[in-house]
């Protein structure tokens, strides 16, 4: 992949993480709780991505 494509992918990921208000403000008391919330948000985005990929198969009845 071209470097621009990879950079674009990383920027989009950070923008999606910033949509979670708690990640965008970063007002957690400890670094552990902040990083834990980033983990939870990342897992939620990943699961949403997987469910979107699976949608055409469910619609066709496979």
PDB file of N, CA and C in Angstrom:
ATOM      1  N   UNK A   1       0.828  -1.186   0.000  1.00  0.00           N
ATOM      2  CA  UNK A   1       0.000   0.000   0.000  1.00  0.00           C
ATOM      3  C   UNK A   1       0.873   1.249   0.000  1.00  0.00           C
ATOM      4  N   UNK A   2       0.350   2.277  -0.583  1.00  0.00           N
ATOM      5  CA  UNK A   2       1.063   3.549  -0.583  1.00  0.00           C
ATOM      6  C   UNK A   2       1.015   4.151   0.818  1.00  0.00           C
ATOM      7  N   UNK A   3       1.993   4.950   1.137  1.00  0.00           N
ATOM      8  CA  UNK A   3       2.072   5.542   2.470  1.00  0.00           C
ATOM      9  C   UNK A   3       0.873   6.452   2.747  1.00  0.00           C
ATOM     10  N   UNK A   4       0.360   7.118   1.708  1.00  0.00           N
ATOM     11  CA  UNK A   4      -0.810   7.964   1.882  1.00  0.00           C
ATOM     12  C   UNK A   4      -2.016   7.136   2.309  1.00  0.00           C
ATOM     13  N   UNK A   5      -2.174   5.965   1.730  1.00  0.00           N
ATOM     14  CA  UNK A   5      -3.301   5.095   2.067  1.00  0.00           C
ATOM     15  C   UNK A   5      -3.230   4.657   3.522  1.00  0.00           C
ATOM     16  N   UNK A   6      -2.036   4.291   3.977  1.00  0.00           N
ATOM     17  CA  UNK A   6      -1.879   3.883   5.374  1.00  0.00           C
ATOM     18  C   UNK A   6      -2.127   5.051   6.324  1.00  0.00           C
ATOM     19  N   UNK A   7      -1.610   6.222   5.962  1.00  0.00           N
ATOM     20  CA  UNK A   7      -1.813   7.407   6.802  1.00  0.00           C
ATOM     21  C   UNK A   7      -3.296   7.740   6.894  1.00  0.00           C
ATOM     22  N   UNK A   8      -4.000   7.642   5.792  1.00  0.00           N
ATOM     23  CA  UNK A   8      -5.428   7.913   5.763  1.00  0.00           C
ATOM     24  C   UNK A   8      -6.179   6.928   6.657  1.00  0.00           C
ATOM     25  N   UNK A   9      -5.788   5.664   6.628  1.00  0.00           N
ATOM     26  CA  UNK A   9      -6.434   4.650   7.444  1.00  0.00           C
ATOM     27  C   UNK A   9      -6.237   4.938   8.933  1.00  0.00           C
ATOM     28  N   UNK A  10      -5.029   5.335   9.315  1.00  0.00           N
ATOM     29  CA  UNK A  10      -4.748   5.655  10.720  1.00  0.00           C
ATOM     30  C   UNK A  10      -5.535   6.889  11.156  1.00  0.00           C
ATOM     31  N   UNK A  11      -5.584   7.912  10.321  1.00  0.00           N
ATOM     32  CA  UNK A  11      -6.335   9.122  10.656  1.00  0.00           C
ATOM     33  C   UNK A  11      -7.816   8.830  10.825  1.00  0.00           C
ATOM     34  N   UNK A  12      -8.356   7.981   9.964  1.00  0.00           N
ATOM     35  CA  UNK A  12      -9.778   7.619  10.096  1.00  0.00           C
ATOM     36  C   UNK A  12     -10.039   6.871  11.398  1.00  0.00           C
ATOM     37  N   UNK A  13      -9.105   6.008  11.781  1.00  0.00           N
ATOM     38  CA  UNK A  13      -9.254   5.270  13.034  1.00  0.00           C
ATOM     39  C   UNK A  13      -9.285   6.230  14.220  1.00  0.00           C
ATOM     40  N   UNK A  14      -8.361   7.188  14.244  1.00  0.00           N
ATOM     41  CA  UNK A  14      -8.345   8.157  15.342  1.00  0.00           C
ATOM     42  C   UNK A  14      -9.602   9.014  15.357  1.00  0.00           C
ATOM     43  N   UNK A  15     -10.112   9.385  14.193  1.00  0.00           N
ATOM     44  CA  UNK A  15     -11.347  10.158  14.154  1.00  0.00           C
ATOM     45  C   UNK A  15     -12.523   9.367  14.701  1.00  0.00           C
ATOM     46  N   UNK A  16     -12.567   8.075  14.409  1.00  0.00           N
ATOM     47  CA  UNK A  16     -13.643   7.240  14.957  1.00  0.00           C
ATOM     48  C   UNK A  16     -13.510   7.108  16.464  1.00  0.00           C
ATOM     49  N   UNK A  17     -12.272   7.001  16.954  1.00  0.00           N
ATOM     50  CA  UNK A  17     -12.079   6.936  18.401  1.00  0.00           C
ATOM     51  C   UNK A  17     -12.489   8.244  19.069  1.00  0.00           C
ATOM     52  N   UNK A  18     -12.241   9.365  18.422  1.00  0.00           N
ATOM     53  CA  UNK A  18     -12.590  10.666  18.998  1.00  0.00           C
ATOM     54  C   UNK A  18     -14.093  10.887  19.052  1.00  0.00           C
ATOM     55  N   UNK A  19     -14.859  10.107  18.284  1.00  0.00           N
ATOM     56  CA  UNK A  19     -16.311  10.229  18.349  1.00  0.00           C
ATOM     57  C   UNK A  19     -16.839   9.822  19.719  1.00  0.00           C
ATOM     58  N   UNK A  20     -16.098   8.990  20.418  1.00  0.00           N
ATOM     59  CA  UNK A  20     -16.463   8.662  21.797  1.00  0.00           C
ATOM     60  C   UNK A  20     -16.057   9.867  22.654  1.00  0.00           C
ATOM     61  N   UNK A  21     -17.001  10.540  23.232  1.00  0.00           N
ATOM     62  CA  UNK A  21     -16.753  11.795  23.936  1.00  0.00           C
ATOM     63  C   UNK A  21     -15.715  11.644  25.046  1.00  0.00           C
ATOM     64  N   UNK A  22     -15.731  10.527  25.714  1.00  0.00           N
ATOM     65  CA  UNK A  22     -14.798  10.316  26.823  1.00  0.00           C
ATOM     66  C   UNK A  22     -13.351  10.234  26.328  1.00  0.00           C
ATOM     67  N   UNK A  23     -13.138   9.656  25.152  1.00  0.00           N
ATOM     68  CA  UNK A  23     -11.791   9.581  24.591  1.00  0.00           C
ATOM     69  C   UNK A  23     -11.352  10.965  24.120  1.00  0.00           C
ATOM     70  N   UNK A  24     -12.264  11.714  23.527  1.00  0.00           N
ATOM     71  CA  UNK A  24     -11.919  13.030  22.989  1.00  0.00           C
ATOM     72  C   UNK A  24     -11.509  13.999  24.086  1.00  0.00           C
ATOM     73  N   UNK A  25     -12.182  13.940  25.240  1.00  0.00           N
ATOM     74  CA  UNK A  25     -11.857  14.879  26.314  1.00  0.00           C
ATOM     75  C   UNK A  25     -10.663  14.413  27.126  1.00  0.00           C
ATOM     76  N   UNK A  26     -10.521  13.103  27.337  1.00  0.00           N
ATOM     77  CA  UNK A  26      -9.380  12.567  28.074  1.00  0.00           C
ATOM     78  C   UNK A  26      -9.319  13.009  29.521  1.00  0.00           C
ATOM     79  N   UNK A  27     -10.465  13.119  30.188  1.00  0.00           N
ATOM     80  CA  UNK A  27     -10.501  13.589  31.572  1.00  0.00           C
ATOM     81  C   UNK A  27     -10.498  12.456  32.595  1.00  0.00           C
ATOM     82  N   UNK A  28      -9.982  11.303  32.229  1.00  0.00           N
ATOM     83  CA  UNK A  28      -9.880  10.215  33.191  1.00  0.00           C
ATOM     84  C   UNK A  28      -8.778  10.521  34.195  1.00  0.00           C
ATOM     85  N   UNK A  29      -8.936  10.006  35.410  1.00  0.00           N
ATOM     86  CA  UNK A  29      -7.966  10.319  36.465  1.00  0.00           C
ATOM     87  C   UNK A  29      -6.643   9.597  36.276  1.00  0.00           C
ATOM     88  N   UNK A  30      -6.679   8.410  35.716  1.00  0.00           N
ATOM     89  CA  UNK A  30      -5.438   7.653  35.553  1.00  0.00           C
ATOM     90  C   UNK A  30      -5.248   7.272  34.091  1.00  0.00           C
ATOM     91  N   UNK A  31      -4.002   7.044  33.739  1.00  0.00           N
ATOM     92  CA  UNK A  31      -3.701   6.611  32.372  1.00  0.00           C
ATOM     93  C   UNK A  31      -4.286   5.229  32.102  1.00  0.00           C
ATOM     94  N   UNK A  32      -4.342   4.380  33.128  1.00  0.00           N
ATOM     95  CA  UNK A  32      -4.900   3.031  32.959  1.00  0.00           C
ATOM     96  C   UNK A  32      -6.367   3.077  32.567  1.00  0.00           C
ATOM     97  N   UNK A  33      -7.135   3.944  33.212  1.00  0.00           N
ATOM     98  CA  UNK A  33      -8.563   4.003  32.883  1.00  0.00           C
ATOM     99  C   UNK A  33      -8.771   4.600  31.487  1.00  0.00           C
ATOM    100  N   UNK A  34      -7.936   5.567  31.121  1.00  0.00           N
ATOM    101  CA  UNK A  34      -8.036   6.154  29.783  1.00  0.00           C
ATOM    102  C   UNK A  34      -7.709   5.115  28.714  1.00  0.00           C
ATOM    103  N   UNK A  35      -6.611   4.383  28.901  1.00  0.00           N
ATOM    104  CA  UNK A  35      -6.224   3.358  27.929  1.00  0.00           C
ATOM    105  C   UNK A  35      -7.237   2.210  27.908  1.00  0.00           C
ATOM    106  N   UNK A  36      -7.812   1.889  29.052  1.00  0.00           N
ATOM    107  CA  UNK A  36      -8.851   0.862  29.097  1.00  0.00           C
ATOM    108  C   UNK A  36     -10.066   1.271  28.296  1.00  0.00           C
ATOM    109  N   UNK A  37     -10.448   2.543  28.397  1.00  0.00           N
ATOM    110  CA  UNK A  37     -11.598   3.002  27.620  1.00  0.00           C
ATOM    111  C   UNK A  37     -11.282   3.014  26.133  1.00  0.00           C
ATOM    112  N   UNK A  38     -10.033   3.320  25.763  1.00  0.00           N
ATOM    113  CA  UNK A  38      -9.646   3.240  24.350  1.00  0.00           C
ATOM    114  C   UNK A  38      -9.755   1.798  23.869  1.00  0.00           C
ATOM    115  N   UNK A  39      -9.354   0.837  24.715  1.00  0.00           N
ATOM    116  CA  UNK A  39      -9.503  -0.582  24.347  1.00  0.00           C
ATOM    117  C   UNK A  39     -10.965  -0.936  24.113  1.00  0.00           C
ATOM    118  N   UNK A  40     -11.827  -0.508  25.032  1.00  0.00           N
ATOM    119  CA  UNK A  40     -13.251  -0.823  24.913  1.00  0.00           C
ATOM    120  C   UNK A  40     -13.837  -0.198  23.652  1.00  0.00           C
ATOM    121  N   UNK A  41     -13.482   1.049  23.387  1.00  0.00           N
ATOM    122  CA  UNK A  41     -13.985   1.732  22.191  1.00  0.00           C
ATOM    123  C   UNK A  41     -13.477   1.063  20.923  1.00  0.00           C
ATOM    124  N   UNK A  42     -12.214   0.641  20.926  1.00  0.00           N
ATOM    125  CA  UNK A  42     -11.650  -0.039  19.749  1.00  0.00           C
ATOM    126  C   UNK A  42     -12.358  -1.363  19.486  1.00  0.00           C
ATOM    127  N   UNK A  43     -12.631  -2.112  20.542  1.00  0.00           N
ATOM    128  CA  UNK A  43     -13.343  -3.387  20.389  1.00  0.00           C
ATOM    129  C   UNK A  43     -14.741  -3.145  19.840  1.00  0.00           C
ATOM    130  N   UNK A  44     -15.406  -2.102  20.343  1.00  0.00           N
ATOM    131  CA  UNK A  44     -16.752  -1.778  19.866  1.00  0.00           C
ATOM    132  C   UNK A  44     -16.731  -1.422  18.382  1.00  0.00           C
ATOM    133  N   UNK A  45     -15.732  -0.636  17.956  1.00  0.00           N
ATOM    134  CA  UNK A  45     -15.617  -0.288  16.535  1.00  0.00           C
ATOM    135  C   UNK A  45     -15.311  -1.519  15.687  1.00  0.00           C
ATOM    136  N   UNK A  46     -14.458  -2.395  16.201  1.00  0.00           N
ATOM    137  CA  UNK A  46     -14.107  -3.615  15.474  1.00  0.00           C
ATOM    138  C   UNK A  46     -15.327  -4.519  15.308  1.00  0.00           C
ATOM    139  N   UNK A  47     -16.115  -4.674  16.371  1.00  0.00           N
ATOM    140  CA  UNK A  47     -17.315  -5.501  16.279  1.00  0.00           C
ATOM    141  C   UNK A  47     -18.330  -4.901  15.310  1.00  0.00           C
ATOM    142  N   UNK A  48     -18.451  -3.580  15.314  1.00  0.00           N
ATOM    143  CA  UNK A  48     -19.357  -2.926  14.372  1.00  0.00           C
ATOM    144  C   UNK A  48     -18.885  -3.166  12.936  1.00  0.00           C
ATOM    145  N   UNK A  49     -17.568  -3.105  12.731  1.00  0.00           N
ATOM    146  CA  UNK A  49     -17.010  -3.365  11.401  1.00  0.00           C
ATOM    147  C   UNK A  49     -17.294  -4.802  10.967  1.00  0.00           C
ATOM    148  N   UNK A  50     -17.141  -5.749  11.895  1.00  0.00           N
ATOM    149  CA  UNK A  50     -17.407  -7.153  11.554  1.00  0.00           C
ATOM    150  C   UNK A  50     -18.875  -7.375  11.240  1.00  0.00           C
ATOM    151  N   UNK A  51     -19.759  -6.710  11.974  1.00  0.00           N
ATOM    152  CA  UNK A  51     -21.186  -6.912  11.717  1.00  0.00           C
ATOM    153  C   UNK A  51     -21.590  -6.290  10.389  1.00  0.00           C
ATOM    154  N   UNK A  52     -20.930  -5.207   9.980  1.00  0.00           N
ATOM    155  CA  UNK A  52     -21.215  -4.603   8.672  1.00  0.00           C
ATOM    156  C   UNK A  52     -20.728  -5.499   7.545  1.00  0.00           C
ATOM    157  N   UNK A  53     -19.623  -6.180   7.762  1.00  0.00           N
ATOM    158  CA  UNK A  53     -19.102  -7.087   6.741  1.00  0.00           C
ATOM    159  C   UNK A  53     -19.994  -8.304   6.596  1.00  0.00           C
ATOM    160  N   UNK A  54     -20.645  -8.714   7.670  1.00  0.00           N
ATOM    161  CA  UNK A  54     -21.486  -9.904   7.670  1.00  0.00           C
ATOM    162  C   UNK A  54     -22.886  -9.614   7.129  1.00  0.00           C
ATOM    163  N   UNK A  55     -23.289  -8.369   7.056  1.00  0.00           N
ATOM    164  CA  UNK A  55     -24.651  -8.000   6.673  1.00  0.00           C
ATOM    165  C   UNK A  55     -25.066  -8.530   5.295  1.00  0.00           C
ATOM    166  N   UNK A  56     -24.234  -8.469   4.256  1.00  0.00           N
ATOM    167  CA  UNK A  56     -24.688  -8.991   2.954  1.00  0.00           C
ATOM    168  C   UNK A  56     -25.004 -10.484   2.987  1.00  0.00           C
ATOM    169  N   UNK A  57     -24.289 -11.237   3.829  1.00  0.00           N
ATOM    170  CA  UNK A  57     -24.563 -12.665   3.909  1.00  0.00           C
ATOM    171  C   UNK A  57     -25.891 -12.940   4.589  1.00  0.00           C
ATOM    172  N   UNK A  58     -26.215 -12.155   5.602  1.00  0.00           N
ATOM    173  CA  UNK A  58     -27.497 -12.342   6.289  1.00  0.00           C
ATOM    174  C   UNK A  58     -28.656 -11.949   5.381  1.00  0.00           C
ATOM    175  N   UNK A  59     -28.480 -10.919   4.577  1.00  0.00           N
ATOM    176  CA  UNK A  59     -29.547 -10.465   3.705  1.00  0.00           C
ATOM    177  C   UNK A  59     -29.845 -11.476   2.600  1.00  0.00           C
ATOM    178  N   UNK A  60     -28.822 -12.188   2.152  1.00  0.00           N
ATOM    179  CA  UNK A  60     -29.042 -13.150   1.065  1.00  0.00           C
ATOM    180  C   UNK A  60     -29.483 -14.521   1.586  1.00  0.00           C
ATOM    181  N   UNK A  61     -29.460 -14.702   2.913  1.00  0.00           N
ATOM    182  CA  UNK A  61     -29.937 -15.955   3.478  1.00  0.00           C
ATOM    183  C   UNK A  61     -28.880 -17.047   3.553  1.00  0.00           C
ATOM    184  N   UNK A  62     -27.624 -16.697   3.368  1.00  0.00           N
ATOM    185  CA  UNK A  62     -26.551 -17.700   3.421  1.00  0.00           C
ATOM    186  C   UNK A  62     -26.193 -17.988   4.860  1.00  0.00           C
TER     187      UNK A  62
END
